[in-house]
Amino acid sequence: MPEIPTVAARGPIARPAPLRQAVYDALTELIINGMLTPGQHLVEADLAEHLGVSRQPVREALQRLHTAGWVDLRPSQGAFVHSPSAEECAQLLSVRAVLETHSARGAAQHATPTDVARLWELQQTGLSALAAGDARAIVEANAALHTHITHLSRNAVLAELIPQVDRRVRWYYMPIAKPRGTDAWSEHALIIEAIAGGDPDGAEELMRRHTANTTDFYCKQIAAMAGRGV
């Protein structure tokens, strides 16, 4: 198994949280952040050592991760980080597109100047991460910006639904964060301008194009990787 980078620096899991949940959350974040990569073999003993726990909660976490679609369990081979397909990507991102176009529309209807100022701050955070070439920071900034747009929509149902797909979107976005970055953050600026101008139709359409572009880019990359046998 390839060495698990930086996990040791995390240190033992904090005990105040329920241990099973803490191990599950830790492994999920390692997958989302790309520390555990698609197709990587997950060895219980190695994971337990790096997280400072016994093998039992790791074993239970891997079973839960399998049920949730983060991990594949292969008979006689063990656990492997799931490798998402282009079809999975298209399905999830199409759902995200529907939710986020509604968010952008609502944000344009409700955002105050203070709200818009915060959006520009988040935009600058993303541009700084892009300039630094920090994929993880780009993903985090992207998630923060989209989350704030959802908050500004003042729609409690959207606020409840979007987090259910957000973690998997972050996972999908990680490999394309840098190559898609310049176009993505330029598109963000146009969305913010539409929200600032109180243009619901414009904000909705720009968000629709933005999410479609991200979906197309990701699916093309997955297809290219498959063609190379990656």
C-alpha atoms as a PDB file:
ATOM      1  CA  MET A   1       0.000   0.000   0.000  1.00  0.00           C
ATOM      2  CA  PRO A   2       1.386   3.451  -0.845  1.00  0.00           C
ATOM      3  CA  GLU A   3       2.386   5.459   2.169  1.00  0.00           C
ATOM      4  CA  ILE A   4      -0.484   7.599   3.468  1.00  0.00           C
ATOM      5  CA  PRO A   5       0.873  11.178   3.319  1.00  0.00           C
ATOM      6  CA  THR A   6       0.448  13.561   6.233  1.00  0.00           C
ATOM      7  CA  VAL A   7      -1.993  11.353   8.114  1.00  0.00           C
ATOM      8  CA  ALA A   8       0.524  10.862  10.900  1.00  0.00           C
ATOM      9  CA  ALA A   9       0.691  14.631  11.380  1.00  0.00           C
ATOM     10  CA  ARG A  10      -3.011  14.568  12.229  1.00  0.00           C
ATOM     11  CA  GLY A  11      -2.291  12.646  15.395  1.00  0.00           C
ATOM     12  CA  PRO A  12      -4.631  10.388  17.344  1.00  0.00           C
ATOM     13  CA  ILE A  13      -8.359  10.890  17.043  1.00  0.00           C
ATOM     14  CA  ALA A  14      -9.767  13.169  19.747  1.00  0.00           C
ATOM     15  CA  ARG A  15     -11.598  11.003  22.243  1.00  0.00           C
ATOM     16  CA  PRO A  16     -14.505  13.316  23.255  1.00  0.00           C
ATOM     17  CA  ALA A  17     -16.304  12.483  19.971  1.00  0.00           C
ATOM     18  CA  PRO A  18     -17.745   8.959  19.606  1.00  0.00           C
ATOM     19  CA  LEU A  19     -14.766   6.977  18.349  1.00  0.00           C
ATOM     20  CA  ARG A  20     -16.583   5.125  15.564  1.00  0.00           C
ATOM     21  CA  GLN A  21     -17.948   8.361  14.137  1.00  0.00           C
ATOM     22  CA  ALA A  22     -14.620  10.145  14.515  1.00  0.00           C
ATOM     23  CA  VAL A  23     -12.789   7.432  12.563  1.00  0.00           C
ATOM     24  CA  TYR A  24     -15.480   7.422   9.878  1.00  0.00           C
ATOM     25  CA  ASP A  25     -15.323  11.220   9.537  1.00  0.00           C
ATOM     26  CA  ALA A  26     -11.520  11.209   9.456  1.00  0.00           C
ATOM     27  CA  LEU A  27     -11.341   8.626   6.683  1.00  0.00           C
ATOM     28  CA  THR A  28     -14.070  10.394   4.708  1.00  0.00           C
ATOM     29  CA  GLU A  29     -12.150  13.664   4.834  1.00  0.00           C
ATOM     30  CA  LEU A  30      -8.926  11.935   3.793  1.00  0.00           C
ATOM     31  CA  ILE A  31     -10.734  10.606   0.728  1.00  0.00           C
ATOM     32  CA  ILE A  32     -12.368  13.942  -0.092  1.00  0.00           C
ATOM     33  CA  ASN A  33      -9.073  15.810   0.284  1.00  0.00           C
ATOM     34  CA  GLY A  34      -7.236  13.383  -1.957  1.00  0.00           C
ATOM     35  CA  MET A  35      -4.939  12.070   0.756  1.00  0.00           C
ATOM     36  CA  LEU A  36      -6.410   8.645   0.041  1.00  0.00           C
ATOM     37  CA  THR A  37      -6.701   8.415  -3.738  1.00  0.00           C
ATOM     38  CA  PRO A  38      -9.234   6.601  -5.966  1.00  0.00           C
ATOM     39  CA  GLY A  39      -8.255   2.961  -6.342  1.00  0.00           C
ATOM     40  CA  GLN A  40      -5.871   3.018  -3.371  1.00  0.00           C
ATOM     41  CA  HIS A  41      -5.776  -0.144  -1.255  1.00  0.00           C
ATOM     42  CA  LEU A  42      -6.825   0.560   2.321  1.00  0.00           C
ATOM     43  CA  VAL A  43      -5.063  -1.620   4.874  1.00  0.00           C
ATOM     44  CA  GLU A  44      -6.782  -1.691   8.262  1.00  0.00           C
ATOM     45  CA  ALA A  45      -3.577  -2.016  10.268  1.00  0.00           C
ATOM     46  CA  ASP A  46      -1.931   0.953   8.530  1.00  0.00           C
ATOM     47  CA  LEU A  47      -4.966   3.175   8.923  1.00  0.00           C
ATOM     48  CA  ALA A  48      -5.362   2.203  12.577  1.00  0.00           C
ATOM     49  CA  GLU A  49      -1.722   3.000  13.302  1.00  0.00           C
ATOM     50  CA  HIS A  50      -1.850   6.404  11.636  1.00  0.00           C
ATOM     51  CA  LEU A  51      -5.115   7.374  13.334  1.00  0.00           C
ATOM     52  CA  GLY A  52      -3.994   6.084  16.721  1.00  0.00           C
ATOM     53  CA  VAL A  53      -6.888   3.670  17.162  1.00  0.00           C
ATOM     54  CA  SER A  54      -7.467  -0.086  17.149  1.00  0.00           C
ATOM     55  CA  ARG A  55      -8.395  -1.961  13.995  1.00  0.00           C
ATOM     56  CA  GLN A  56     -12.009  -2.550  15.051  1.00  0.00           C
ATOM     57  CA  PRO A  57     -13.313   1.033  14.548  1.00  0.00           C
ATOM     58  CA  VAL A  58     -11.384   1.202  11.266  1.00  0.00           C
ATOM     59  CA  ARG A  59     -13.015  -2.029  10.093  1.00  0.00           C
ATOM     60  CA  GLU A  60     -16.442  -0.688  11.032  1.00  0.00           C
ATOM     61  CA  ALA A  61     -15.724   2.619   9.325  1.00  0.00           C
ATOM     62  CA  LEU A  62     -14.698   0.867   6.107  1.00  0.00           C
ATOM     63  CA  GLN A  63     -17.993  -1.042   6.112  1.00  0.00           C
ATOM     64  CA  ARG A  64     -19.908   2.234   6.514  1.00  0.00           C
ATOM     65  CA  LEU A  65     -17.807   3.913   3.839  1.00  0.00           C
ATOM     66  CA  HIS A  66     -18.639   1.048   1.507  1.00  0.00           C
ATOM     67  CA  THR A  67     -22.356   1.497   2.162  1.00  0.00           C
ATOM     68  CA  ALA A  68     -22.020   5.246   1.541  1.00  0.00           C
ATOM     69  CA  GLY A  69     -20.153   4.705  -1.726  1.00  0.00           C
ATOM     70  CA  TRP A  70     -16.738   6.002  -0.679  1.00  0.00           C
ATOM     71  CA  VAL A  71     -15.027   2.586  -0.548  1.00  0.00           C
ATOM     72  CA  ASP A  72     -15.241  -0.621  -2.586  1.00  0.00           C
ATOM     73  CA  LEU A  73     -14.925  -3.960  -0.764  1.00  0.00           C
ATOM     74  CA  ARG A  74     -13.528  -6.660  -3.060  1.00  0.00           C
ATOM     75  CA  PRO A  75     -13.737 -10.332  -2.045  1.00  0.00           C
ATOM     76  CA  SER A  76     -10.335 -11.761  -1.087  1.00  0.00           C
ATOM     77  CA  GLN A  77      -8.659  -8.435  -1.869  1.00  0.00           C
ATOM     78  CA  GLY A  78      -9.833  -5.981   0.760  1.00  0.00           C
ATOM     79  CA  ALA A  79     -10.967  -2.354   0.734  1.00  0.00           C
ATOM     80  CA  PHE A  80     -10.148   0.215  -1.942  1.00  0.00           C
ATOM     81  CA  VAL A  81     -11.036   3.866  -2.330  1.00  0.00           C
ATOM     82  CA  HIS A  82     -13.898   4.065  -4.803  1.00  0.00           C
ATOM     83  CA  SER A  83     -13.092   5.357  -8.291  1.00  0.00           C
ATOM     84  CA  PRO A  84     -16.093   7.423  -9.425  1.00  0.00           C
ATOM     85  CA  SER A  85     -17.320   6.916 -12.962  1.00  0.00           C
ATOM     86  CA  ALA A  86     -18.312   9.568 -15.473  1.00  0.00           C
ATOM     87  CA  GLU A  87     -21.944   8.469 -15.066  1.00  0.00           C
ATOM     88  CA  GLU A  88     -21.815   8.970 -11.287  1.00  0.00           C
ATOM     89  CA  CYS A  89     -20.302  12.383 -11.837  1.00  0.00           C
ATOM     90  CA  ALA A  90     -22.976  13.421 -14.326  1.00  0.00           C
ATOM     91  CA  GLN A  91     -25.790  12.271 -12.042  1.00  0.00           C
ATOM     92  CA  LEU A  92     -24.511  13.998  -8.919  1.00  0.00           C
ATOM     93  CA  LEU A  93     -23.490  17.241 -10.603  1.00  0.00           C
ATOM     94  CA  SER A  94     -26.805  17.455 -12.451  1.00  0.00           C
ATOM     95  CA  VAL A  95     -28.576  17.355  -9.088  1.00  0.00           C
ATOM     96  CA  ARG A  96     -26.178  19.938  -7.717  1.00  0.00           C
ATOM     97  CA  ALA A  97     -26.860  22.148 -10.755  1.00  0.00           C
ATOM     98  CA  VAL A  98     -30.611  22.160 -10.103  1.00  0.00           C
ATOM     99  CA  LEU A  99     -30.127  23.080  -6.444  1.00  0.00           C
ATOM    100  CA  GLU A 100     -27.512  25.748  -7.014  1.00  0.00           C
ATOM    101  CA  THR A 101     -29.315  27.530  -9.838  1.00  0.00           C
ATOM    102  CA  HIS A 102     -32.216  28.009  -7.411  1.00  0.00           C
ATOM    103  CA  SER A 103     -29.734  29.230  -4.804  1.00  0.00           C
ATOM    104  CA  ALA A 104     -28.275  31.819  -7.167  1.00  0.00           C
ATOM    105  CA  ARG A 105     -31.717  33.071  -8.092  1.00  0.00           C
ATOM    106  CA  GLY A 106     -32.704  33.427  -4.453  1.00  0.00           C
ATOM    107  CA  ALA A 107     -29.428  35.130  -3.576  1.00  0.00           C
ATOM    108  CA  ALA A 108     -30.019  37.759  -6.277  1.00  0.00           C
ATOM    109  CA  GLN A 109     -33.439  38.434  -4.782  1.00  0.00           C
ATOM    110  CA  HIS A 110     -32.300  38.760  -1.180  1.00  0.00           C
ATOM    111  CA  ALA A 111     -28.604  39.724  -0.962  1.00  0.00           C
ATOM    112  CA  THR A 112     -27.693  42.971   0.772  1.00  0.00           C
ATOM    113  CA  PRO A 113     -24.579  45.045   0.017  1.00  0.00           C
ATOM    114  CA  THR A 114     -22.940  43.461   3.050  1.00  0.00           C
ATOM    115  CA  ASP A 115     -23.757  40.013   1.702  1.00  0.00           C
ATOM    116  CA  VAL A 116     -22.257  40.890  -1.661  1.00  0.00           C
ATOM    117  CA  ALA A 117     -19.123  42.237   0.001  1.00  0.00           C
ATOM    118  CA  ARG A 118     -18.692  38.874   1.693  1.00  0.00           C
ATOM    119  CA  LEU A 119     -19.048  37.108  -1.643  1.00  0.00           C
ATOM    120  CA  TRP A 120     -16.224  39.220  -3.061  1.00  0.00           C
ATOM    121  CA  GLU A 121     -14.077  38.353  -0.034  1.00  0.00           C
ATOM    122  CA  LEU A 122     -14.667  34.648  -0.681  1.00  0.00           C
ATOM    123  CA  GLN A 123     -13.908  35.205  -4.348  1.00  0.00           C
ATOM    124  CA  GLN A 124     -10.564  36.764  -3.443  1.00  0.00           C
ATOM    125  CA  THR A 125      -9.763  33.830  -1.171  1.00  0.00           C
ATOM    126  CA  GLY A 126     -10.321  31.509  -4.103  1.00  0.00           C
ATOM    127  CA  LEU A 127      -8.172  33.604  -6.443  1.00  0.00           C
ATOM    128  CA  SER A 128      -5.358  33.626  -3.875  1.00  0.00           C
ATOM    129  CA  ALA A 129      -5.551  29.840  -3.545  1.00  0.00           C
ATOM    130  CA  LEU A 130      -5.529  29.525  -7.323  1.00  0.00           C
ATOM    131  CA  ALA A 131      -2.464  31.773  -7.602  1.00  0.00           C
ATOM    132  CA  ALA A 132      -0.706  29.638  -4.975  1.00  0.00           C
ATOM    133  CA  GLY A 133      -1.588  26.430  -6.856  1.00  0.00           C
ATOM    134  CA  ASP A 134      -3.103  24.954  -3.681  1.00  0.00           C
ATOM    135  CA  ALA A 135      -5.772  22.509  -4.864  1.00  0.00           C
ATOM    136  CA  ARG A 136      -7.124  21.800  -1.392  1.00  0.00           C
ATOM    137  CA  ALA A 137      -7.481  25.509  -0.619  1.00  0.00           C
ATOM    138  CA  ILE A 138      -9.171  26.068  -3.985  1.00  0.00           C
ATOM    139  CA  VAL A 139     -11.706  23.337  -3.218  1.00  0.00           C
ATOM    140  CA  GLU A 140     -12.384  24.754   0.242  1.00  0.00           C
ATOM    141  CA  ALA A 141     -12.800  28.274  -1.136  1.00  0.00           C
ATOM    142  CA  ASN A 142     -15.104  27.016  -3.874  1.00  0.00           C
ATOM    143  CA  ALA A 143     -17.264  25.196  -1.328  1.00  0.00           C
ATOM    144  CA  ALA A 144     -17.365  28.275   0.925  1.00  0.00           C
ATOM    145  CA  LEU A 145     -18.488  30.537  -1.912  1.00  0.00           C
ATOM    146  CA  HIS A 146     -21.230  28.187  -3.089  1.00  0.00           C
ATOM    147  CA  THR A 147     -22.360  27.603   0.503  1.00  0.00           C
ATOM    148  CA  HIS A 148     -22.658  31.339   1.095  1.00  0.00           C
ATOM    149  CA  ILE A 149     -24.720  31.771  -2.064  1.00  0.00           C
ATOM    150  CA  THR A 150     -27.061  29.091  -0.748  1.00  0.00           C
ATOM    151  CA  HIS A 151     -27.255  30.906   2.590  1.00  0.00           C
ATOM    152  CA  LEU A 152     -28.149  34.147   0.832  1.00  0.00           C
ATOM    153  CA  SER A 153     -31.039  32.465  -0.964  1.00  0.00           C
ATOM    154  CA  ARG A 154     -32.875  32.419   2.381  1.00  0.00           C
ATOM    155  CA  ASN A 155     -34.269  29.011   1.383  1.00  0.00           C
ATOM    156  CA  ALA A 156     -34.239  26.563   4.281  1.00  0.00           C
ATOM    157  CA  VAL A 157     -34.968  23.548   2.064  1.00  0.00           C
ATOM    158  CA  LEU A 158     -31.990  24.287  -0.189  1.00  0.00           C
ATOM    159  CA  ALA A 159     -29.811  24.840   2.868  1.00  0.00           C
ATOM    160  CA  GLU A 160     -30.791  21.379   4.086  1.00  0.00           C
ATOM    161  CA  LEU A 161     -30.412  19.559   0.758  1.00  0.00           C
ATOM    162  CA  ILE A 162     -27.175  20.970  -0.635  1.00  0.00           C
ATOM    163  CA  PRO A 163     -24.881  19.760   2.195  1.00  0.00           C
ATOM    164  CA  GLN A 164     -25.989  16.209   1.355  1.00  0.00           C
ATOM    165  CA  VAL A 165     -24.166  16.446  -1.984  1.00  0.00           C
ATOM    166  CA  ASP A 166     -21.494  18.969  -1.032  1.00  0.00           C
ATOM    167  CA  ARG A 167     -18.886  16.530   0.309  1.00  0.00           C
ATOM    168  CA  ARG A 168     -19.023  14.371  -2.779  1.00  0.00           C
ATOM    169  CA  VAL A 169     -18.861  17.448  -5.002  1.00  0.00           C
ATOM    170  CA  ARG A 170     -15.729  18.503  -3.120  1.00  0.00           C
ATOM    171  CA  TRP A 171     -14.258  15.057  -3.812  1.00  0.00           C
ATOM    172  CA  TYR A 172     -15.052  15.241  -7.511  1.00  0.00           C
ATOM    173  CA  TYR A 173     -13.751  18.803  -7.756  1.00  0.00           C
ATOM    174  CA  MET A 174     -10.341  18.090  -6.218  1.00  0.00           C
ATOM    175  CA  PRO A 175      -8.643  16.688  -9.358  1.00  0.00           C
ATOM    176  CA  ILE A 176      -9.907  19.528 -11.559  1.00  0.00           C
ATOM    177  CA  ALA A 177      -9.531  22.396  -9.088  1.00  0.00           C
ATOM    178  CA  LYS A 178      -6.356  23.726 -10.682  1.00  0.00           C
ATOM    179  CA  PRO A 179      -6.918  23.031 -14.404  1.00  0.00           C
ATOM    180  CA  ARG A 180     -10.491  24.355 -14.261  1.00  0.00           C
ATOM    181  CA  GLY A 181      -9.654  27.083 -11.776  1.00  0.00           C
ATOM    182  CA  THR A 182      -9.145  30.151 -13.968  1.00  0.00           C
ATOM    183  CA  ASP A 183     -12.396  29.643 -15.877  1.00  0.00           C
ATOM    184  CA  ALA A 184     -14.344  28.632 -12.767  1.00  0.00           C
ATOM    185  CA  TRP A 185     -13.384  31.696 -10.758  1.00  0.00           C
ATOM    186  CA  SER A 186     -14.051  33.984 -13.718  1.00  0.00           C
ATOM    187  CA  GLU A 187     -17.529  32.468 -13.868  1.00  0.00           C
ATOM    188  CA  HIS A 188     -17.928  33.032 -10.122  1.00  0.00           C
ATOM    189  CA  ALA A 189     -17.227  36.742 -10.635  1.00  0.00           C
ATOM    190  CA  LEU A 190     -20.021  37.003 -13.202  1.00  0.00           C
ATOM    191  CA  ILE A 191     -22.430  35.238 -10.838  1.00  0.00           C
ATOM    192  CA  ILE A 192     -21.538  37.617  -8.018  1.00  0.00           C
ATOM    193  CA  GLU A 193     -22.072  40.596 -10.307  1.00  0.00           C
ATOM    194  CA  ALA A 194     -25.541  39.324 -11.201  1.00  0.00           C
ATOM    195  CA  ILE A 195     -26.377  38.772  -7.532  1.00  0.00           C
ATOM    196  CA  ALA A 196     -25.077  42.249  -6.678  1.00  0.00           C
ATOM    197  CA  GLY A 197     -27.200  43.719  -9.450  1.00  0.00           C
ATOM    198  CA  GLY A 198     -30.357  42.038  -8.186  1.00  0.00           C
ATOM    199  CA  ASP A 199     -30.728  40.053 -11.405  1.00  0.00           C
ATOM    200  CA  PRO A 200     -32.362  36.699 -10.531  1.00  0.00           C
ATOM    201  CA  ASP A 201     -32.685  35.527 -14.132  1.00  0.00           C
ATOM    202  CA  GLY A 202     -29.082  36.399 -14.913  1.00  0.00           C
ATOM    203  CA  ALA A 203     -27.715  34.817 -11.732  1.00  0.00           C
ATOM    204  CA  GLU A 204     -29.710  31.642 -12.355  1.00  0.00           C
ATOM    205  CA  GLU A 205     -28.531  31.330 -15.962  1.00  0.00           C
ATOM    206  CA  LEU A 206     -24.888  32.044 -15.106  1.00  0.00           C
ATOM    207  CA  MET A 207     -24.961  29.430 -12.346  1.00  0.00           C
ATOM    208  CA  ARG A 208     -26.543  26.944 -14.749  1.00  0.00           C
ATOM    209  CA  ARG A 209     -23.719  27.501 -17.238  1.00  0.00           C
ATOM    210  CA  HIS A 210     -21.112  27.349 -14.479  1.00  0.00           C
ATOM    211  CA  THR A 211     -22.280  23.999 -13.123  1.00  0.00           C
ATOM    212  CA  ALA A 212     -22.652  22.602 -16.659  1.00  0.00           C
ATOM    213  CA  ASN A 213     -19.094  23.640 -17.492  1.00  0.00           C
ATOM    214  CA  THR A 214     -17.784  21.964 -14.353  1.00  0.00           C
ATOM    215  CA  THR A 215     -19.699  18.769 -15.140  1.00  0.00           C
ATOM    216  CA  ASP A 216     -18.433  18.680 -18.726  1.00  0.00           C
ATOM    217  CA  PHE A 217     -14.846  19.331 -17.662  1.00  0.00           C
ATOM    218  CA  TYR A 218     -14.896  16.606 -15.018  1.00  0.00           C
ATOM    219  CA  CYS A 219     -16.526  13.991 -17.219  1.00  0.00           C
ATOM    220  CA  LYS A 220     -14.059  14.663 -20.046  1.00  0.00           C
ATOM    221  CA  GLN A 221     -11.184  14.230 -17.605  1.00  0.00           C
ATOM    222  CA  ILE A 222     -12.601  10.943 -16.320  1.00  0.00           C
ATOM    223  CA  ALA A 223     -12.996   9.714 -19.904  1.00  0.00           C
ATOM    224  CA  ALA A 224      -9.416  10.737 -20.727  1.00  0.00           C
ATOM    225  CA  MET A 225      -8.095   8.916 -17.665  1.00  0.00           C
ATOM    226  CA  ALA A 226     -10.035   5.801 -18.640  1.00  0.00           C
ATOM    227  CA  GLY A 227      -8.569   6.006 -22.126  1.00  0.00           C
ATOM    228  CA  ARG A 228      -5.072   6.068 -20.664  1.00  0.00           C
ATOM    229  CA  GLY A 229      -5.898   3.119 -18.424  1.00  0.00           C
ATOM    230  CA  VAL A 230      -5.481   5.176 -15.260  1.00  0.00           C
END
